Amino acid sequence: MENNVGARLREERTRLNLSQSAFADVAGVTKTTQGNYETNKRSPDSIYLAAIAQHGVDIQYVVTGQRAAHSGFAVDTVKSAVEKAFTMVSAANMAVTPAQLAAMVVAFLPETQAGSVDDPTPSGGGHRVQGDGNMVASGSGITQVGSRVRIRTGKK
């Protein structure tokens, strides 16, 4: 397998709009050392990689050629959740605040992915929510999007 670490380092430096000298300063090395890394004359060590990671370099990409997966949800998953929330609000002709709409979107996101939605189950003393506002239910999470809600704290 061909070692393209140097080319990927150069690509990341260019992506960040840094000159070789500026990138070397960020990494704590000389311009000559940076040039040696980019031409594969030398291999960077872990201290160098940690330093450039702090400045936005995708270290997984530099080392393996594979971009790091973003934590959280896929764009299509978020898009679907937003569309469901918007459709629900539109169909019910509800006026909601941005925070309420955001809570609805979160309720529609799956709970099983890494970086998933926090468990909506109350902990500690427990909270009971009562009211006659419009409710959105998704899985085990319930999100209030109406008015007149009373929250009682304490044991159930």
N, C-alpha and C. Protein backbone atom coordinates (compact mmCIF):
# COMPACT_ATOMS: atom_id res chain seq x y z
N MET A 1 0.84 -1.18 0.00
CA MET A 1 0.00 0.00 0.00
C MET A 1 0.88 1.25 0.00
N GLU A 2 0.58 2.17 -0.86
CA GLU A 2 1.37 3.38 -0.99
C GLU A 2 1.11 4.32 0.19
N ASN A 3 2.16 4.92 0.71
CA ASN A 3 2.05 5.84 1.84
C ASN A 3 1.84 7.26 1.30
N ASN A 4 0.65 7.78 1.45
CA ASN A 4 0.34 9.13 0.99
C ASN A 4 0.10 10.10 2.14
N VAL A 5 0.68 9.80 3.30
CA VAL A 5 0.49 10.67 4.47
C VAL A 5 0.94 12.08 4.14
N GLY A 6 2.05 12.23 3.47
CA GLY A 6 2.55 13.56 3.13
C GLY A 6 1.59 14.34 2.26
N ALA A 7 1.06 13.69 1.24
CA ALA A 7 0.10 14.36 0.35
C ALA A 7 -1.16 14.75 1.11
N ARG A 8 -1.62 13.88 2.02
CA ARG A 8 -2.82 14.20 2.79
C ARG A 8 -2.56 15.32 3.79
N LEU A 9 -1.35 15.36 4.36
CA LEU A 9 -0.98 16.48 5.24
C LEU A 9 -1.03 17.79 4.46
N ARG A 10 -0.44 17.78 3.28
CA ARG A 10 -0.45 18.98 2.43
C ARG A 10 -1.89 19.39 2.10
N GLU A 11 -2.71 18.39 1.79
CA GLU A 11 -4.12 18.66 1.46
C GLU A 11 -4.85 19.31 2.65
N GLU A 12 -4.62 18.79 3.84
CA GLU A 12 -5.26 19.37 5.03
C GLU A 12 -4.73 20.78 5.31
N ARG A 13 -3.43 20.99 5.13
CA ARG A 13 -2.86 22.32 5.32
C ARG A 13 -3.48 23.31 4.36
N THR A 14 -3.64 22.89 3.11
CA THR A 14 -4.25 23.74 2.09
C THR A 14 -5.72 24.01 2.41
N ARG A 15 -6.43 22.97 2.87
CA ARG A 15 -7.83 23.12 3.24
C ARG A 15 -8.00 24.17 4.34
N LEU A 16 -7.03 24.23 5.24
CA LEU A 16 -7.08 25.19 6.35
C LEU A 16 -6.50 26.56 5.97
N ASN A 17 -6.11 26.71 4.70
CA ASN A 17 -5.53 27.98 4.20
C ASN A 17 -4.31 28.42 4.98
N LEU A 18 -3.41 27.49 5.26
CA LEU A 18 -2.18 27.81 5.97
C LEU A 18 -0.98 27.57 5.07
N SER A 19 -0.01 28.46 5.18
CA SER A 19 1.25 28.25 4.47
C SER A 19 2.01 27.15 5.18
N GLN A 20 3.04 26.65 4.54
CA GLN A 20 3.85 25.62 5.16
C GLN A 20 4.48 26.15 6.45
N SER A 21 4.94 27.40 6.43
CA SER A 21 5.55 28.01 7.63
C SER A 21 4.53 28.15 8.76
N ALA A 22 3.34 28.64 8.43
CA ALA A 22 2.30 28.83 9.45
C ALA A 22 1.87 27.49 10.03
N PHE A 23 1.74 26.49 9.18
CA PHE A 23 1.34 25.16 9.64
C PHE A 23 2.42 24.57 10.54
N ALA A 24 3.68 24.77 10.17
CA ALA A 24 4.80 24.30 10.99
C ALA A 24 4.76 24.95 12.37
N ASP A 25 4.47 26.25 12.42
CA ASP A 25 4.37 26.96 13.70
C ASP A 25 3.26 26.37 14.57
N VAL A 26 2.12 26.11 13.96
CA VAL A 26 0.99 25.52 14.68
C VAL A 26 1.38 24.16 15.25
N ALA A 27 2.13 23.40 14.48
CA ALA A 27 2.51 22.04 14.86
C ALA A 27 3.72 21.99 15.79
N GLY A 28 4.41 23.11 15.93
CA GLY A 28 5.59 23.13 16.79
C GLY A 28 6.81 22.51 16.16
N VAL A 29 6.92 22.58 14.83
CA VAL A 29 8.08 22.05 14.12
C VAL A 29 8.64 23.14 13.20
N THR A 30 9.78 22.86 12.59
CA THR A 30 10.35 23.82 11.65
C THR A 30 9.71 23.64 10.28
N LYS A 31 9.89 24.65 9.42
CA LYS A 31 9.37 24.56 8.06
C LYS A 31 10.02 23.39 7.33
N THR A 32 11.31 23.15 7.58
CA THR A 32 12.02 22.03 6.95
C THR A 32 11.39 20.70 7.35
N THR A 33 11.10 20.55 8.65
CA THR A 33 10.46 19.31 9.12
C THR A 33 9.10 19.14 8.47
N GLN A 34 8.33 20.24 8.40
CA GLN A 34 7.01 20.17 7.76
C GLN A 34 7.15 19.73 6.30
N GLY A 35 8.13 20.28 5.61
CA GLY A 35 8.38 19.88 4.23
C GLY A 35 8.75 18.41 4.12
N ASN A 36 9.56 17.93 5.06
CA ASN A 36 9.92 16.51 5.07
C ASN A 36 8.70 15.61 5.28
N TYR A 37 7.78 16.04 6.14
CA TYR A 37 6.55 15.27 6.36
C TYR A 37 5.71 15.24 5.08
N GLU A 38 5.59 16.39 4.42
CA GLU A 38 4.75 16.49 3.23
C GLU A 38 5.33 15.76 2.02
N THR A 39 6.64 15.53 2.02
CA THR A 39 7.27 14.79 0.92
C THR A 39 7.58 13.34 1.30
N ASN A 40 7.07 12.92 2.44
CA ASN A 40 7.26 11.56 2.95
C ASN A 40 8.72 11.19 3.21
N LYS A 41 9.57 12.19 3.44
CA LYS A 41 10.96 11.91 3.81
C LYS A 41 11.04 11.50 5.27
N ARG A 42 10.09 11.99 6.06
CA ARG A 42 9.98 11.63 7.48
C ARG A 42 8.51 11.39 7.79
N SER A 43 8.27 10.61 8.84
CA SER A 43 6.90 10.38 9.30
C SER A 43 6.63 11.19 10.56
N PRO A 44 5.47 11.83 10.64
CA PRO A 44 5.15 12.61 11.83
C PRO A 44 4.94 11.72 13.05
N ASP A 45 5.27 12.26 14.23
CA ASP A 45 5.05 11.50 15.46
C ASP A 45 3.72 11.89 16.09
N SER A 46 3.38 11.22 17.18
CA SER A 46 2.09 11.45 17.82
C SER A 46 1.96 12.84 18.42
N ILE A 47 3.04 13.43 18.88
CA ILE A 47 2.99 14.79 19.44
C ILE A 47 2.62 15.78 18.34
N TYR A 48 3.21 15.63 17.18
CA TYR A 48 2.89 16.47 16.03
C TYR A 48 1.43 16.30 15.64
N LEU A 49 0.99 15.05 15.52
CA LEU A 49 -0.40 14.78 15.12
C LEU A 49 -1.39 15.36 16.13
N ALA A 50 -1.08 15.24 17.42
CA ALA A 50 -1.96 15.81 18.45
C ALA A 50 -2.02 17.33 18.32
N ALA A 51 -0.90 17.95 18.02
CA ALA A 51 -0.86 19.42 17.89
C ALA A 51 -1.70 19.89 16.71
N ILE A 52 -1.59 19.22 15.57
CA ILE A 52 -2.36 19.68 14.41
C ILE A 52 -3.84 19.31 14.54
N ALA A 53 -4.14 18.26 15.28
CA ALA A 53 -5.55 17.90 15.52
C ALA A 53 -6.26 19.02 16.27
N GLN A 54 -5.54 19.69 17.16
CA GLN A 54 -6.11 20.80 17.93
C GLN A 54 -6.46 21.99 17.04
N HIS A 55 -5.98 21.99 15.81
CA HIS A 55 -6.23 23.10 14.89
C HIS A 55 -7.11 22.69 13.71
N GLY A 56 -7.86 21.58 13.88
CA GLY A 56 -8.86 21.22 12.88
C GLY A 56 -8.44 20.22 11.83
N VAL A 57 -7.27 19.64 11.95
CA VAL A 57 -6.83 18.64 10.97
C VAL A 57 -7.52 17.31 11.27
N ASP A 58 -8.03 16.66 10.25
CA ASP A 58 -8.66 15.35 10.38
C ASP A 58 -7.55 14.30 10.41
N ILE A 59 -7.13 13.93 11.61
CA ILE A 59 -6.00 13.01 11.77
C ILE A 59 -6.31 11.64 11.18
N GLN A 60 -7.53 11.17 11.33
CA GLN A 60 -7.88 9.87 10.75
C GLN A 60 -7.65 9.89 9.24
N TYR A 61 -8.01 10.99 8.59
CA TYR A 61 -7.81 11.11 7.15
C TYR A 61 -6.32 11.13 6.81
N VAL A 62 -5.54 11.89 7.56
CA VAL A 62 -4.10 11.99 7.29
C VAL A 62 -3.45 10.61 7.38
N VAL A 63 -3.80 9.85 8.40
CA VAL A 63 -3.14 8.57 8.63
C VAL A 63 -3.69 7.45 7.74
N THR A 64 -5.02 7.40 7.55
CA THR A 64 -5.62 6.26 6.85
C THR A 64 -6.16 6.57 5.46
N GLY A 65 -6.39 7.83 5.17
CA GLY A 65 -7.01 8.20 3.90
C GLY A 65 -8.53 8.16 3.96
N GLN A 66 -9.09 7.83 5.11
CA GLN A 66 -10.54 7.79 5.30
C GLN A 66 -10.95 8.95 6.21
N ARG A 67 -11.91 9.74 5.76
CA ARG A 67 -12.39 10.86 6.57
C ARG A 67 -13.07 10.32 7.83
N ALA A 68 -12.89 11.03 8.92
CA ALA A 68 -13.54 10.67 10.18
C ALA A 68 -15.04 10.87 10.04
N ALA A 69 -15.79 9.93 10.56
CA ALA A 69 -17.25 10.06 10.55
C ALA A 69 -17.63 11.15 11.55
N HIS A 70 -18.61 11.94 11.17
CA HIS A 70 -19.09 12.96 12.08
C HIS A 70 -19.98 12.30 13.11
N SER A 71 -19.83 12.73 14.35
CA SER A 71 -20.70 12.19 15.37
C SER A 71 -22.09 12.77 15.19
N GLY A 72 -23.06 12.08 15.68
CA GLY A 72 -24.42 12.56 15.56
C GLY A 72 -25.18 11.82 14.49
N PHE A 73 -26.14 12.48 13.91
CA PHE A 73 -27.07 11.86 12.98
C PHE A 73 -26.72 12.20 11.54
N ALA A 74 -27.10 11.30 10.65
CA ALA A 74 -26.93 11.54 9.22
C ALA A 74 -27.86 12.68 8.79
N VAL A 75 -27.47 13.40 7.77
CA VAL A 75 -28.25 14.53 7.27
C VAL A 75 -29.67 14.10 6.93
N ASP A 76 -29.83 12.95 6.28
CA ASP A 76 -31.17 12.47 5.90
C ASP A 76 -32.04 12.20 7.13
N THR A 77 -31.44 11.71 8.21
CA THR A 77 -32.19 11.45 9.44
C THR A 77 -32.71 12.74 10.03
N VAL A 78 -31.85 13.75 10.09
CA VAL A 78 -32.26 15.05 10.64
C VAL A 78 -33.31 15.69 9.73
N LYS A 79 -33.09 15.61 8.43
CA LYS A 79 -34.04 16.19 7.47
C LYS A 79 -35.42 15.56 7.65
N SER A 80 -35.47 14.26 7.79
CA SER A 80 -36.74 13.57 7.99
C SER A 80 -37.43 14.01 9.28
N ALA A 81 -36.67 14.16 10.35
CA ALA A 81 -37.24 14.61 11.63
C ALA A 81 -37.79 16.02 11.52
N VAL A 82 -37.08 16.90 10.84
CA VAL A 82 -37.54 18.28 10.65
C VAL A 82 -38.82 18.29 9.82
N GLU A 83 -38.84 17.51 8.75
CA GLU A 83 -40.04 17.45 7.90
C GLU A 83 -41.25 16.93 8.66
N LYS A 84 -41.06 15.90 9.51
CA LYS A 84 -42.17 15.38 10.31
C LYS A 84 -42.69 16.44 11.27
N ALA A 85 -41.78 17.12 11.96
CA ALA A 85 -42.19 18.16 12.91
C ALA A 85 -42.91 19.29 12.19
N PHE A 86 -42.38 19.74 11.07
CA PHE A 86 -43.00 20.83 10.31
C PHE A 86 -44.39 20.42 9.82
N THR A 87 -44.51 19.20 9.31
CA THR A 87 -45.80 18.71 8.82
C THR A 87 -46.82 18.67 9.96
N MET A 88 -46.40 18.22 11.13
CA MET A 88 -47.31 18.14 12.27
C MET A 88 -47.78 19.53 12.68
N VAL A 89 -46.86 20.48 12.74
CA VAL A 89 -47.21 21.85 13.13
C VAL A 89 -48.14 22.46 12.09
N SER A 90 -47.83 22.26 10.82
CA SER A 90 -48.66 22.81 9.74
C SER A 90 -50.06 22.21 9.73
N ALA A 91 -50.15 20.89 9.88
CA ALA A 91 -51.44 20.21 9.84
C ALA A 91 -52.34 20.64 10.99
N ALA A 92 -51.75 20.91 12.15
CA ALA A 92 -52.54 21.31 13.32
C ALA A 92 -52.71 22.82 13.40
N ASN A 93 -52.10 23.54 12.46
CA ASN A 93 -52.14 25.00 12.44
C ASN A 93 -51.73 25.58 13.80
N MET A 94 -50.64 25.03 14.35
CA MET A 94 -50.15 25.45 15.65
C MET A 94 -49.11 26.56 15.50
N ALA A 95 -49.10 27.44 16.48
CA ALA A 95 -48.03 28.43 16.57
C ALA A 95 -47.04 27.90 17.61
N VAL A 96 -45.81 27.68 17.20
CA VAL A 96 -44.81 27.17 18.13
C VAL A 96 -43.58 28.07 18.09
N THR A 97 -42.87 28.06 19.19
CA THR A 97 -41.62 28.81 19.26
C THR A 97 -40.52 27.97 18.60
N PRO A 98 -39.40 28.60 18.25
CA PRO A 98 -38.29 27.81 17.72
C PRO A 98 -37.85 26.70 18.68
N ALA A 99 -37.87 26.98 19.98
CA ALA A 99 -37.47 25.97 20.96
C ALA A 99 -38.44 24.79 20.96
N GLN A 100 -39.73 25.08 20.81
CA GLN A 100 -40.71 24.00 20.76
C GLN A 100 -40.53 23.15 19.50
N LEU A 101 -40.28 23.81 18.37
CA LEU A 101 -40.05 23.08 17.13
C LEU A 101 -38.79 22.22 17.25
N ALA A 102 -37.75 22.78 17.86
CA ALA A 102 -36.51 22.02 18.06
C ALA A 102 -36.77 20.79 18.93
N ALA A 103 -37.59 20.95 19.97
CA ALA A 103 -37.91 19.81 20.84
C ALA A 103 -38.68 18.74 20.07
N MET A 104 -39.55 19.16 19.16
CA MET A 104 -40.27 18.20 18.34
C MET A 104 -39.31 17.43 17.44
N VAL A 105 -38.37 18.15 16.83
CA VAL A 105 -37.39 17.50 15.96
C VAL A 105 -36.60 16.47 16.75
N VAL A 106 -36.16 16.83 17.94
CA VAL A 106 -35.40 15.91 18.79
C VAL A 106 -36.24 14.67 19.10
N ALA A 107 -37.55 14.87 19.34
CA ALA A 107 -38.43 13.74 19.64
C ALA A 107 -38.51 12.76 18.47
N PHE A 108 -38.35 13.25 17.25
CA PHE A 108 -38.43 12.38 16.08
C PHE A 108 -37.10 11.71 15.73
N LEU A 109 -36.01 12.09 16.36
CA LEU A 109 -34.72 11.47 16.07
C LEU A 109 -34.63 10.12 16.77
N PRO A 110 -33.99 9.15 16.14
CA PRO A 110 -33.85 7.83 16.78
C PRO A 110 -32.99 7.93 18.02
N GLU A 111 -33.29 7.07 18.98
CA GLU A 111 -32.57 7.10 20.25
C GLU A 111 -31.44 6.10 20.31
N THR A 112 -31.18 5.36 19.25
CA THR A 112 -30.22 4.26 19.32
C THR A 112 -28.86 4.57 18.71
N GLN A 113 -28.69 5.75 18.11
CA GLN A 113 -27.42 6.06 17.47
C GLN A 113 -26.44 6.65 18.48
N ALA A 114 -25.16 6.59 18.12
CA ALA A 114 -24.15 7.26 18.92
C ALA A 114 -24.44 8.74 18.89
N GLY A 115 -24.24 9.39 20.02
CA GLY A 115 -24.55 10.81 20.09
C GLY A 115 -26.04 11.03 20.05
N SER A 116 -26.79 10.04 20.56
CA SER A 116 -28.24 10.09 20.44
C SER A 116 -28.86 11.05 21.43
N VAL A 117 -30.15 11.15 21.29
CA VAL A 117 -30.95 12.02 22.13
C VAL A 117 -30.88 11.52 23.56
N ASP A 118 -30.81 12.44 24.51
CA ASP A 118 -30.82 12.06 25.91
C ASP A 118 -32.12 11.33 26.24
N ASP A 119 -32.05 10.39 27.16
CA ASP A 119 -33.23 9.65 27.58
C ASP A 119 -34.21 10.62 28.23
N PRO A 120 -35.45 10.69 27.72
CA PRO A 120 -36.40 11.64 28.27
C PRO A 120 -36.99 11.20 29.60
N THR A 121 -36.70 9.98 30.05
CA THR A 121 -37.23 9.51 31.31
C THR A 121 -36.63 10.30 32.45
N PRO A 122 -37.47 10.87 33.33
CA PRO A 122 -36.93 11.66 34.43
C PRO A 122 -36.16 10.78 35.40
N SER A 123 -35.19 11.37 36.04
CA SER A 123 -34.42 10.65 37.03
C SER A 123 -34.62 11.33 38.38
N GLY A 124 -34.12 10.72 39.41
CA GLY A 124 -34.25 11.32 40.73
C GLY A 124 -35.68 11.22 41.24
N GLY A 125 -36.26 12.36 41.68
CA GLY A 125 -37.60 12.38 42.26
C GLY A 125 -38.70 12.13 41.26
N GLY A 126 -38.44 12.25 40.00
CA GLY A 126 -39.46 12.03 38.97
C GLY A 126 -40.35 13.24 38.80
N HIS A 127 -40.83 13.45 37.62
CA HIS A 127 -41.71 14.58 37.31
C HIS A 127 -42.92 14.05 36.57
N ARG A 128 -44.08 14.53 36.93
CA ARG A 128 -45.28 14.19 36.19
C ARG A 128 -45.75 15.44 35.47
N VAL A 129 -46.03 15.31 34.20
CA VAL A 129 -46.49 16.45 33.41
C VAL A 129 -47.97 16.25 33.14
N GLN A 130 -48.76 17.28 33.49
CA GLN A 130 -50.18 17.23 33.22
C GLN A 130 -50.56 18.46 32.44
N GLY A 131 -51.61 18.36 31.65
CA GLY A 131 -52.08 19.53 30.93
C GLY A 131 -52.93 19.12 29.75
N ASP A 132 -53.50 20.11 29.09
CA ASP A 132 -54.34 19.82 27.94
C ASP A 132 -53.78 20.44 26.67
N GLY A 133 -52.47 20.68 26.67
CA GLY A 133 -51.84 21.23 25.48
C GLY A 133 -51.67 20.16 24.42
N ASN A 134 -51.28 20.56 23.26
CA ASN A 134 -51.02 19.60 22.19
C ASN A 134 -49.76 18.83 22.52
N MET A 135 -49.79 17.53 22.38
CA MET A 135 -48.65 16.70 22.71
C MET A 135 -48.14 16.01 21.45
N VAL A 136 -46.84 15.82 21.41
CA VAL A 136 -46.22 15.06 20.34
C VAL A 136 -45.58 13.85 21.00
N ALA A 137 -45.95 12.66 20.59
CA ALA A 137 -45.38 11.46 21.17
C ALA A 137 -44.54 10.74 20.13
N SER A 138 -43.36 10.33 20.52
CA SER A 138 -42.48 9.59 19.63
C SER A 138 -41.70 8.60 20.46
N GLY A 139 -41.95 7.34 20.27
CA GLY A 139 -41.27 6.33 21.06
C GLY A 139 -41.61 6.52 22.52
N SER A 140 -40.61 6.58 23.37
CA SER A 140 -40.86 6.77 24.79
C SER A 140 -40.80 8.24 25.18
N GLY A 141 -40.48 9.12 24.24
CA GLY A 141 -40.37 10.54 24.58
C GLY A 141 -41.64 11.28 24.24
N ILE A 142 -42.03 12.21 25.09
CA ILE A 142 -43.19 13.05 24.84
C ILE A 142 -42.72 14.49 24.94
N THR A 143 -43.07 15.29 23.96
CA THR A 143 -42.66 16.68 23.93
C THR A 143 -43.88 17.57 23.93
N GLN A 144 -43.94 18.53 24.84
CA GLN A 144 -45.06 19.47 24.92
C GLN A 144 -44.89 20.55 23.87
N VAL A 145 -45.93 20.79 23.09
CA VAL A 145 -45.89 21.86 22.12
C VAL A 145 -47.08 22.79 22.25
N GLY A 146 -47.85 22.63 23.30
CA GLY A 146 -49.01 23.49 23.52
C GLY A 146 -48.81 24.36 24.74
N SER A 147 -49.91 24.63 25.41
CA SER A 147 -49.85 25.49 26.59
C SER A 147 -50.52 24.80 27.76
N ARG A 148 -50.63 25.50 28.86
CA ARG A 148 -51.29 25.06 30.09
C ARG A 148 -50.76 23.72 30.58
N VAL A 149 -49.53 23.70 30.93
CA VAL A 149 -48.92 22.48 31.44
C VAL A 149 -48.47 22.74 32.86
N ARG A 150 -48.75 21.79 33.74
CA ARG A 150 -48.28 21.86 35.12
C ARG A 150 -47.28 20.73 35.31
N ILE A 151 -46.19 21.04 35.95
CA ILE A 151 -45.19 20.02 36.23
C ILE A 151 -45.14 19.83 37.73
N ARG A 152 -45.37 18.61 38.16
CA ARG A 152 -45.31 18.29 39.58
C ARG A 152 -44.03 17.51 39.83
N THR A 153 -43.31 17.92 40.83
CA THR A 153 -42.09 17.19 41.18
C THR A 153 -42.37 16.34 42.40
N GLY A 154 -41.55 15.36 42.58
CA GLY A 154 -41.71 14.48 43.73
C GLY A 154 -41.99 13.07 43.27
N LYS A 155 -42.33 12.24 44.21
CA LYS A 155 -42.58 10.83 43.89
C LYS A 155 -43.90 10.68 43.17
N LYS A 156 -43.95 9.64 42.32
CA LYS A 156 -45.15 9.38 41.52
C LYS A 156 -46.28 8.86 42.35
